Structures are given as C-alpha cells and as structure tokens.
Amino acid sequence: MISPGDTGDRLLALENRVRLLEDEAAICRVIASWGPAADRADGRAASSLWTDDAVLIAEAMRIEGASGVGDMIDSEGQQALVRQGCAHVQSFPVVQVDGDRATAVNYGRVYLHTNEGFEIWRVSANCWELRRTADGWRVTRRHAHVIDGGPQAQEVLARADKP
C-alpha cells in the first residue's frame, strides 16, 4: 500500500521528470529550428532563437547578439547560399539540463545543391548553450567547429559526456 506521503513524493518526482522531458523537447525544437530559418534566409526567425547577449563562434567568425545572428542570416553570403540551394541539417542533440541552463552537443551539416545533386559543404561539431527565458529556451552561445581532424572539434564533442 502507498502512504499519502509516498504519493506526494511520487507525484513530485513525476512532475520533475515531465518538466525535464518538456525542457529537452523544447531545446531540441530550438536547435531544429535553426536550419529552416537559415535555409530561407529569415534573419528575424533565426534571431528569435538567441538571447540579446548571445555569442556564435564558428572558426574565425564571432557574431554577437541576436541581432548579429539575424544580420548574418540576412547577409548577401547567406542569400547566395539560399539561391544556390542549401540545407542546414542538425543531428539530434545530446541535451543536458541544469535548472534554467542547458548544454546540447550535436553535429551540423550543410548541403549545397550542385549540377550533380547535393554535396556536403560543411560538417561541424556544435556545442549549444541555452537559457530558459520568459519566452522559452534561447541560445546564449554556440561554438561550431568544422570536423577537420584537428583537436578543436573533438573538444566540442567531448562536452556531450559532461554532466
């Protein structure tokens, strides 16, 4: 038989588990939304995934703030990729939630349309840092490194193992 105290403890544990699952699903949705925003060059949609103080680091590029991310997506370089035909595809991330902060590690691939079909243009290791805001989970930092055999991508991927 379950005592009333046990029922309360079990209910609280269940609520915590459901909240964690909801957080993980919301974080996966944020990361999955990156590609469609980039591939239609929608700077407004892309910037809405980031906090105002966010940082995006990819090799020698450093972009600051949600507005900077939006400007990059609206740039002529991104417009040219969209005109050629591109697909920014994110793998399913390894998500670790710690209260109102989270880390997610995944692979990112960018495909480009060519006369032959599609080719993989870029493969990267990504570490996303996110924060729960009044508007839901938002990206505070993304470090993306091309998988080129060097140690930097391995260091990014190793973050998937850290609690």
N, C-alpha and C. Protein backbone atom coordinates (compact mmCIF):
# COMPACT_ATOMS: atom_id res chain seq x y z
N MET A 1 0.84 -1.19 0.00
CA MET A 1 0.00 0.00 0.00
C MET A 1 0.89 1.25 0.00
N ILE A 2 0.44 2.29 -0.69
CA ILE A 2 1.19 3.54 -0.79
C ILE A 2 0.64 4.52 0.24
N SER A 3 1.52 5.06 1.06
CA SER A 3 1.09 6.04 2.05
C SER A 3 0.92 7.39 1.38
N PRO A 4 0.12 8.28 1.99
CA PRO A 4 -0.08 9.62 1.41
C PRO A 4 1.21 10.37 1.17
N GLY A 5 2.19 10.23 2.06
CA GLY A 5 3.48 10.89 1.87
C GLY A 5 4.19 10.37 0.64
N ASP A 6 4.11 9.05 0.43
CA ASP A 6 4.72 8.43 -0.76
C ASP A 6 4.08 8.96 -2.03
N THR A 7 2.76 9.15 -2.00
CA THR A 7 2.05 9.65 -3.18
C THR A 7 2.54 11.05 -3.54
N GLY A 8 2.70 11.89 -2.55
CA GLY A 8 3.20 13.24 -2.81
C GLY A 8 4.60 13.24 -3.37
N ASP A 9 5.46 12.39 -2.81
CA ASP A 9 6.84 12.28 -3.30
C ASP A 9 6.86 11.76 -4.73
N ARG A 10 6.03 10.76 -4.99
CA ARG A 10 5.98 10.19 -6.34
C ARG A 10 5.45 11.21 -7.35
N LEU A 11 4.45 11.97 -6.94
CA LEU A 11 3.89 12.99 -7.83
C LEU A 11 4.92 14.07 -8.12
N LEU A 12 5.65 14.50 -7.12
CA LEU A 12 6.70 15.49 -7.31
C LEU A 12 7.79 14.95 -8.24
N ALA A 13 8.20 13.71 -8.05
CA ALA A 13 9.21 13.09 -8.92
C ALA A 13 8.69 13.02 -10.35
N LEU A 14 7.42 12.66 -10.51
CA LEU A 14 6.84 12.60 -11.85
C LEU A 14 6.79 13.98 -12.50
N GLU A 15 6.40 15.00 -11.75
CA GLU A 15 6.38 16.36 -12.28
C GLU A 15 7.77 16.79 -12.71
N ASN A 16 8.79 16.46 -11.92
CA ASN A 16 10.16 16.81 -12.28
C ASN A 16 10.60 16.10 -13.55
N ARG A 17 10.24 14.83 -13.69
CA ARG A 17 10.60 14.08 -14.90
C ARG A 17 9.90 14.65 -16.12
N VAL A 18 8.62 15.00 -15.99
CA VAL A 18 7.88 15.58 -17.11
C VAL A 18 8.48 16.93 -17.49
N ARG A 19 8.82 17.74 -16.53
CA ARG A 19 9.42 19.04 -16.82
C ARG A 19 10.75 18.86 -17.57
N LEU A 20 11.58 17.90 -17.15
CA LEU A 20 12.84 17.64 -17.83
C LEU A 20 12.59 17.21 -19.28
N LEU A 21 11.63 16.33 -19.49
CA LEU A 21 11.30 15.90 -20.86
C LEU A 21 10.80 17.07 -21.70
N GLU A 22 9.96 17.92 -21.11
CA GLU A 22 9.47 19.10 -21.83
C GLU A 22 10.61 20.05 -22.16
N ASP A 23 11.54 20.24 -21.22
CA ASP A 23 12.69 21.11 -21.47
C ASP A 23 13.55 20.54 -22.60
N GLU A 24 13.83 19.24 -22.54
CA GLU A 24 14.64 18.63 -23.60
C GLU A 24 13.97 18.75 -24.96
N ALA A 25 12.65 18.54 -25.01
CA ALA A 25 11.92 18.67 -26.28
C ALA A 25 11.98 20.11 -26.79
N ALA A 26 11.82 21.08 -25.90
CA ALA A 26 11.86 22.48 -26.31
C ALA A 26 13.25 22.87 -26.83
N ILE A 27 14.29 22.36 -26.18
CA ILE A 27 15.66 22.64 -26.61
C ILE A 27 15.92 22.02 -27.98
N CYS A 28 15.47 20.79 -28.17
CA CYS A 28 15.62 20.15 -29.48
C CYS A 28 14.89 20.95 -30.56
N ARG A 29 13.73 21.49 -30.23
CA ARG A 29 12.97 22.29 -31.20
C ARG A 29 13.73 23.57 -31.57
N VAL A 30 14.35 24.23 -30.59
CA VAL A 30 15.14 25.43 -30.87
C VAL A 30 16.26 25.09 -31.84
N ILE A 31 17.00 24.02 -31.55
CA ILE A 31 18.12 23.64 -32.41
C ILE A 31 17.64 23.23 -33.79
N ALA A 32 16.54 22.47 -33.85
CA ALA A 32 15.99 22.05 -35.14
C ALA A 32 15.45 23.23 -35.95
N SER A 33 15.06 24.30 -35.29
CA SER A 33 14.52 25.48 -35.99
C SER A 33 15.60 26.30 -36.69
N TRP A 34 16.86 26.10 -36.29
CA TRP A 34 17.96 26.86 -36.88
C TRP A 34 18.03 26.65 -38.40
N GLY A 35 18.01 25.42 -38.85
CA GLY A 35 18.16 25.11 -40.27
C GLY A 35 17.08 25.75 -41.14
N PRO A 36 15.81 25.54 -40.85
CA PRO A 36 14.78 26.15 -41.68
C PRO A 36 14.87 27.68 -41.74
N ALA A 37 15.26 28.32 -40.63
CA ALA A 37 15.41 29.78 -40.65
C ALA A 37 16.59 30.18 -41.55
N ALA A 38 17.72 29.46 -41.41
CA ALA A 38 18.89 29.77 -42.23
C ALA A 38 18.62 29.49 -43.71
N ASP A 39 17.91 28.42 -44.01
CA ASP A 39 17.73 27.99 -45.39
C ASP A 39 16.68 28.80 -46.15
N ARG A 40 15.95 29.62 -45.44
CA ARG A 40 15.07 30.57 -46.13
C ARG A 40 15.54 32.00 -45.90
N ALA A 41 16.75 32.11 -45.32
CA ALA A 41 17.37 33.41 -45.05
C ALA A 41 16.43 34.33 -44.30
N ASP A 42 15.84 33.81 -43.23
CA ASP A 42 14.90 34.57 -42.41
C ASP A 42 15.61 35.01 -41.13
N GLY A 43 16.25 36.16 -41.21
CA GLY A 43 17.00 36.68 -40.08
C GLY A 43 16.16 36.89 -38.84
N ARG A 44 14.92 37.28 -39.03
CA ARG A 44 14.03 37.51 -37.88
C ARG A 44 13.77 36.19 -37.14
N ALA A 45 13.45 35.15 -37.90
CA ALA A 45 13.20 33.84 -37.27
C ALA A 45 14.46 33.31 -36.61
N ALA A 46 15.60 33.44 -37.28
CA ALA A 46 16.86 32.94 -36.73
C ALA A 46 17.22 33.70 -35.45
N SER A 47 17.10 35.01 -35.48
CA SER A 47 17.49 35.79 -34.30
C SER A 47 16.57 35.53 -33.11
N SER A 48 15.33 35.11 -33.36
CA SER A 48 14.40 34.85 -32.26
C SER A 48 14.81 33.63 -31.43
N LEU A 49 15.74 32.84 -31.93
CA LEU A 49 16.22 31.66 -31.22
C LEU A 49 17.32 32.00 -30.21
N TRP A 50 17.82 33.23 -30.26
CA TRP A 50 19.00 33.64 -29.49
C TRP A 50 18.65 34.72 -28.48
N THR A 51 19.47 34.82 -27.43
CA THR A 51 19.33 35.91 -26.46
C THR A 51 20.06 37.14 -27.01
N ASP A 52 19.74 38.29 -26.45
CA ASP A 52 20.38 39.53 -26.90
C ASP A 52 21.88 39.55 -26.63
N ASP A 53 22.33 38.79 -25.63
CA ASP A 53 23.75 38.77 -25.28
C ASP A 53 24.45 37.51 -25.80
N ALA A 54 23.84 36.82 -26.73
CA ALA A 54 24.38 35.56 -27.24
C ALA A 54 25.66 35.76 -28.04
N VAL A 55 26.40 34.66 -28.19
CA VAL A 55 27.63 34.66 -28.99
C VAL A 55 27.61 33.41 -29.86
N LEU A 56 27.89 33.59 -31.14
CA LEU A 56 28.04 32.49 -32.08
C LEU A 56 29.48 32.48 -32.56
N ILE A 57 30.17 31.37 -32.32
CA ILE A 57 31.57 31.25 -32.73
C ILE A 57 31.68 30.09 -33.70
N ALA A 58 32.23 30.35 -34.86
CA ALA A 58 32.47 29.31 -35.86
C ALA A 58 33.78 29.64 -36.55
N GLU A 59 34.80 28.83 -36.25
CA GLU A 59 36.15 29.06 -36.73
C GLU A 59 36.58 30.51 -36.44
N ALA A 60 36.92 31.28 -37.44
CA ALA A 60 37.42 32.64 -37.22
C ALA A 60 36.30 33.67 -37.07
N MET A 61 35.05 33.24 -37.17
CA MET A 61 33.92 34.15 -37.11
C MET A 61 33.35 34.22 -35.70
N ARG A 62 33.06 35.41 -35.24
CA ARG A 62 32.41 35.62 -33.95
C ARG A 62 31.28 36.62 -34.18
N ILE A 63 30.07 36.19 -33.85
CA ILE A 63 28.90 37.04 -34.02
C ILE A 63 28.29 37.26 -32.65
N GLU A 64 27.96 38.50 -32.34
CA GLU A 64 27.43 38.83 -31.03
C GLU A 64 25.97 39.26 -31.12
N GLY A 65 25.17 38.70 -30.21
CA GLY A 65 23.79 39.10 -30.05
C GLY A 65 22.83 38.52 -31.06
N ALA A 66 21.57 38.48 -30.67
CA ALA A 66 20.52 38.00 -31.56
C ALA A 66 20.48 38.83 -32.84
N SER A 67 20.68 40.13 -32.71
CA SER A 67 20.63 40.99 -33.91
C SER A 67 21.79 40.68 -34.85
N GLY A 68 22.97 40.37 -34.30
CA GLY A 68 24.10 40.00 -35.14
C GLY A 68 23.84 38.70 -35.89
N VAL A 69 23.21 37.74 -35.21
CA VAL A 69 22.84 36.49 -35.88
C VAL A 69 21.85 36.78 -37.00
N GLY A 70 20.86 37.60 -36.72
CA GLY A 70 19.88 37.97 -37.75
C GLY A 70 20.54 38.64 -38.94
N ASP A 71 21.48 39.54 -38.67
CA ASP A 71 22.19 40.23 -39.76
C ASP A 71 22.99 39.25 -40.61
N MET A 72 23.62 38.26 -39.96
CA MET A 72 24.39 37.26 -40.70
C MET A 72 23.46 36.45 -41.61
N ILE A 73 22.32 36.07 -41.10
CA ILE A 73 21.37 35.29 -41.90
C ILE A 73 20.80 36.13 -43.04
N ASP A 74 20.63 37.43 -42.81
CA ASP A 74 20.13 38.32 -43.86
C ASP A 74 21.22 38.76 -44.85
N SER A 75 22.46 38.38 -44.60
CA SER A 75 23.58 38.86 -45.42
C SER A 75 23.55 38.31 -46.84
N GLU A 76 24.28 38.98 -47.71
CA GLU A 76 24.36 38.54 -49.10
C GLU A 76 24.97 37.15 -49.21
N GLY A 77 25.93 36.83 -48.36
CA GLY A 77 26.53 35.50 -48.38
C GLY A 77 25.49 34.41 -48.14
N GLN A 78 24.64 34.61 -47.15
CA GLN A 78 23.59 33.62 -46.87
C GLN A 78 22.55 33.63 -47.98
N GLN A 79 22.24 34.82 -48.51
CA GLN A 79 21.29 34.90 -49.62
C GLN A 79 21.79 34.10 -50.82
N ALA A 80 23.11 34.17 -51.07
CA ALA A 80 23.70 33.42 -52.19
C ALA A 80 23.57 31.91 -51.96
N LEU A 81 23.79 31.47 -50.73
CA LEU A 81 23.63 30.05 -50.43
C LEU A 81 22.19 29.60 -50.66
N VAL A 82 21.24 30.42 -50.24
CA VAL A 82 19.83 30.09 -50.41
C VAL A 82 19.49 30.03 -51.91
N ARG A 83 19.99 30.97 -52.68
CA ARG A 83 19.72 30.96 -54.12
C ARG A 83 20.30 29.71 -54.78
N GLN A 84 21.45 29.25 -54.29
CA GLN A 84 22.06 28.04 -54.85
C GLN A 84 21.29 26.80 -54.42
N GLY A 85 20.73 26.85 -53.24
CA GLY A 85 20.02 25.71 -52.66
C GLY A 85 20.87 25.12 -51.56
N CYS A 86 20.49 25.37 -50.32
CA CYS A 86 21.26 24.86 -49.19
C CYS A 86 20.33 24.24 -48.16
N ALA A 87 20.90 23.37 -47.35
CA ALA A 87 20.16 22.75 -46.26
C ALA A 87 21.08 22.64 -45.06
N HIS A 88 20.76 23.38 -44.01
CA HIS A 88 21.48 23.32 -42.74
C HIS A 88 20.76 22.27 -41.89
N VAL A 89 21.37 21.11 -41.73
CA VAL A 89 20.73 19.98 -41.06
C VAL A 89 21.46 19.69 -39.75
N GLN A 90 20.71 19.70 -38.66
CA GLN A 90 21.27 19.43 -37.35
C GLN A 90 20.94 18.00 -36.93
N SER A 91 21.91 17.29 -36.37
CA SER A 91 21.62 15.97 -35.83
C SER A 91 20.89 16.13 -34.50
N PHE A 92 20.33 15.02 -34.05
CA PHE A 92 19.65 15.03 -32.75
C PHE A 92 20.70 15.31 -31.67
N PRO A 93 20.47 16.30 -30.82
CA PRO A 93 21.50 16.67 -29.84
C PRO A 93 21.47 15.83 -28.57
N VAL A 94 22.62 15.76 -27.93
CA VAL A 94 22.74 15.23 -26.57
C VAL A 94 22.51 16.43 -25.65
N VAL A 95 21.39 16.43 -24.94
CA VAL A 95 20.98 17.57 -24.13
C VAL A 95 21.20 17.29 -22.65
N GLN A 96 21.74 18.27 -21.96
CA GLN A 96 21.92 18.20 -20.51
C GLN A 96 21.32 19.46 -19.91
N VAL A 97 20.28 19.28 -19.12
CA VAL A 97 19.58 20.40 -18.49
C VAL A 97 20.02 20.51 -17.05
N ASP A 98 20.32 21.74 -16.63
CA ASP A 98 20.68 22.02 -15.25
C ASP A 98 19.89 23.25 -14.81
N GLY A 99 18.69 23.01 -14.32
CA GLY A 99 17.83 24.11 -13.90
C GLY A 99 17.39 24.94 -15.10
N ASP A 100 17.77 26.23 -15.10
CA ASP A 100 17.39 27.14 -16.17
C ASP A 100 18.47 27.30 -17.22
N ARG A 101 19.45 26.41 -17.19
CA ARG A 101 20.53 26.42 -18.18
C ARG A 101 20.65 25.02 -18.77
N ALA A 102 21.16 24.96 -19.99
CA ALA A 102 21.32 23.66 -20.64
C ALA A 102 22.46 23.73 -21.63
N THR A 103 22.99 22.56 -21.93
CA THR A 103 24.01 22.39 -22.96
C THR A 103 23.54 21.29 -23.89
N ALA A 104 23.79 21.47 -25.17
CA ALA A 104 23.44 20.45 -26.16
C ALA A 104 24.61 20.33 -27.13
N VAL A 105 24.97 19.10 -27.45
CA VAL A 105 26.06 18.83 -28.38
C VAL A 105 25.49 18.04 -29.55
N ASN A 106 25.85 18.46 -30.76
CA ASN A 106 25.38 17.73 -31.93
C ASN A 106 26.31 17.97 -33.11
N TYR A 107 25.96 17.34 -34.22
CA TYR A 107 26.64 17.55 -35.49
C TYR A 107 25.76 18.46 -36.34
N GLY A 108 26.39 19.31 -37.12
CA GLY A 108 25.68 20.11 -38.09
C GLY A 108 26.25 19.85 -39.47
N ARG A 109 25.37 19.73 -40.44
CA ARG A 109 25.80 19.54 -41.82
C ARG A 109 25.13 20.59 -42.68
N VAL A 110 25.89 21.09 -43.65
CA VAL A 110 25.32 22.00 -44.63
C VAL A 110 25.49 21.33 -45.99
N TYR A 111 24.37 21.14 -46.66
CA TYR A 111 24.36 20.57 -48.00
C TYR A 111 24.14 21.70 -49.00
N LEU A 112 24.84 21.63 -50.14
CA LEU A 112 24.66 22.61 -51.21
C LEU A 112 24.23 21.91 -52.48
N HIS A 113 23.28 22.51 -53.16
CA HIS A 113 22.83 21.97 -54.43
C HIS A 113 23.87 22.28 -55.51
N THR A 114 24.19 21.29 -56.31
CA THR A 114 25.12 21.46 -57.43
C THR A 114 24.47 20.87 -58.68
N ASN A 115 25.17 20.96 -59.79
CA ASN A 115 24.66 20.35 -61.03
C ASN A 115 24.54 18.84 -60.90
N GLU A 116 25.28 18.26 -59.98
CA GLU A 116 25.28 16.81 -59.77
C GLU A 116 24.23 16.38 -58.75
N GLY A 117 23.59 17.29 -58.08
CA GLY A 117 22.65 16.96 -56.99
C GLY A 117 23.01 17.78 -55.77
N PHE A 118 23.30 17.10 -54.68
CA PHE A 118 23.72 17.79 -53.46
C PHE A 118 25.07 17.27 -53.02
N GLU A 119 25.87 18.17 -52.45
CA GLU A 119 27.14 17.77 -51.85
C GLU A 119 27.18 18.30 -50.43
N ILE A 120 27.91 17.60 -49.59
CA ILE A 120 28.10 18.09 -48.22
C ILE A 120 29.17 19.16 -48.28
N TRP A 121 28.79 20.36 -47.88
CA TRP A 121 29.69 21.51 -47.95
C TRP A 121 30.45 21.70 -46.65
N ARG A 122 29.79 21.35 -45.53
CA ARG A 122 30.40 21.59 -44.23
C ARG A 122 29.82 20.61 -43.22
N VAL A 123 30.68 20.05 -42.37
CA VAL A 123 30.25 19.23 -41.25
C VAL A 123 30.94 19.80 -40.01
N SER A 124 30.16 20.06 -38.99
CA SER A 124 30.73 20.67 -37.79
C SER A 124 30.27 19.96 -36.53
N ALA A 125 31.08 20.11 -35.50
CA ALA A 125 30.71 19.72 -34.14
C ALA A 125 30.20 20.99 -33.47
N ASN A 126 29.07 20.88 -32.79
CA ASN A 126 28.43 22.06 -32.21
C ASN A 126 28.17 21.87 -30.73
N CYS A 127 28.46 22.88 -29.94
CA CYS A 127 28.05 22.93 -28.55
C CYS A 127 27.16 24.15 -28.40
N TRP A 128 25.93 23.90 -28.05
CA TRP A 128 24.93 24.95 -27.84
C TRP A 128 24.76 25.14 -26.33
N GLU A 129 24.79 26.38 -25.89
CA GLU A 129 24.45 26.69 -24.50
C GLU A 129 23.15 27.48 -24.55
N LEU A 130 22.22 27.11 -23.69
CA LEU A 130 20.90 27.72 -23.71
C LEU A 130 20.48 28.14 -22.31
N ARG A 131 19.53 29.07 -22.28
CA ARG A 131 19.00 29.57 -21.01
C ARG A 131 17.48 29.65 -21.14
N ARG A 132 16.80 29.28 -20.07
CA ARG A 132 15.35 29.44 -20.03
C ARG A 132 15.06 30.94 -19.83
N THR A 133 14.24 31.49 -20.68
CA THR A 133 13.84 32.90 -20.57
C THR A 133 12.33 32.97 -20.41
N ALA A 134 11.81 34.17 -20.26
CA ALA A 134 10.36 34.35 -20.19
C ALA A 134 9.68 33.89 -21.48
N ASP A 135 10.43 33.88 -22.58
CA ASP A 135 9.90 33.47 -23.88
C ASP A 135 10.25 32.03 -24.22
N GLY A 136 10.79 31.28 -23.27
CA GLY A 136 11.18 29.89 -23.52
C GLY A 136 12.69 29.77 -23.62
N TRP A 137 13.16 28.61 -24.04
CA TRP A 137 14.59 28.36 -24.16
C TRP A 137 15.16 29.14 -25.32
N ARG A 138 16.33 29.77 -25.08
CA ARG A 138 17.01 30.53 -26.11
C ARG A 138 18.50 30.21 -26.06
N VAL A 139 19.15 30.34 -27.20
CA VAL A 139 20.58 30.07 -27.30
C VAL A 139 21.36 31.25 -26.74
N THR A 140 22.31 30.98 -25.87
CA THR A 140 23.19 32.03 -25.34
C THR A 140 24.58 31.95 -25.98
N ARG A 141 24.94 30.75 -26.45
CA ARG A 141 26.25 30.58 -27.05
C ARG A 141 26.22 29.32 -27.91
N ARG A 142 26.83 29.43 -29.07
CA ARG A 142 27.03 28.26 -29.92
C ARG A 142 28.46 28.29 -30.41
N HIS A 143 29.15 27.20 -30.16
CA HIS A 143 30.51 27.06 -30.67
C HIS A 143 30.44 25.93 -31.69
N ALA A 144 30.72 26.26 -32.94
CA ALA A 144 30.71 25.28 -34.03
C ALA A 144 32.13 25.20 -34.58
N HIS A 145 32.60 23.98 -34.74
CA HIS A 145 33.94 23.81 -35.31
C HIS A 145 33.89 22.75 -36.39
N VAL A 146 34.44 23.07 -37.55
CA VAL A 146 34.49 22.12 -38.66
C VAL A 146 35.25 20.87 -38.22
N ILE A 147 34.72 19.74 -38.59
CA ILE A 147 35.40 18.48 -38.29
C ILE A 147 36.45 18.28 -39.37
N ASP A 148 37.68 18.61 -38.99
CA ASP A 148 38.80 18.61 -39.95
C ASP A 148 39.96 17.74 -39.48
N GLY A 149 39.72 16.90 -38.48
CA GLY A 149 40.77 16.05 -37.96
C GLY A 149 41.56 16.67 -36.82
N GLY A 150 41.35 17.95 -36.57
CA GLY A 150 42.07 18.63 -35.50
C GLY A 150 41.40 18.43 -34.16
N PRO A 151 42.05 18.86 -33.11
CA PRO A 151 41.54 18.63 -31.75
C PRO A 151 40.34 19.51 -31.38
N GLN A 152 40.13 20.62 -32.06
CA GLN A 152 39.06 21.54 -31.65
C GLN A 152 37.69 20.88 -31.73
N ALA A 153 37.40 20.19 -32.81
CA ALA A 153 36.10 19.53 -32.94
C ALA A 153 35.95 18.43 -31.89
N GLN A 154 37.03 17.72 -31.62
CA GLN A 154 36.99 16.67 -30.60
C GLN A 154 36.67 17.27 -29.23
N GLU A 155 37.23 18.43 -28.94
CA GLU A 155 36.96 19.09 -27.66
C GLU A 155 35.48 19.48 -27.56
N VAL A 156 34.93 19.96 -28.67
CA VAL A 156 33.50 20.31 -28.67
C VAL A 156 32.66 19.06 -28.42
N LEU A 157 32.97 17.98 -29.13
CA LEU A 157 32.19 16.75 -28.98
C LEU A 157 32.32 16.15 -27.58
N ALA A 158 33.46 16.33 -26.94
CA ALA A 158 33.67 15.79 -25.59
C ALA A 158 32.71 16.40 -24.59
N ARG A 159 32.18 17.55 -24.89
CA ARG A 159 31.23 18.19 -23.96
C ARG A 159 29.94 17.40 -23.84
N ALA A 160 29.69 16.48 -24.76
CA ALA A 160 28.50 15.64 -24.69
C ALA A 160 28.56 14.69 -23.49
N ASP A 161 29.76 14.43 -23.00
CA ASP A 161 29.96 13.50 -21.88
C ASP A 161 29.89 14.19 -20.53
N LYS A 162 29.89 15.50 -20.49
CA LYS A 162 29.96 16.21 -19.22
C LYS A 162 28.55 16.45 -18.67
N PRO A 163 28.37 16.15 -17.40
CA PRO A 163 27.05 16.39 -16.79
C PRO A 163 26.78 17.86 -16.56
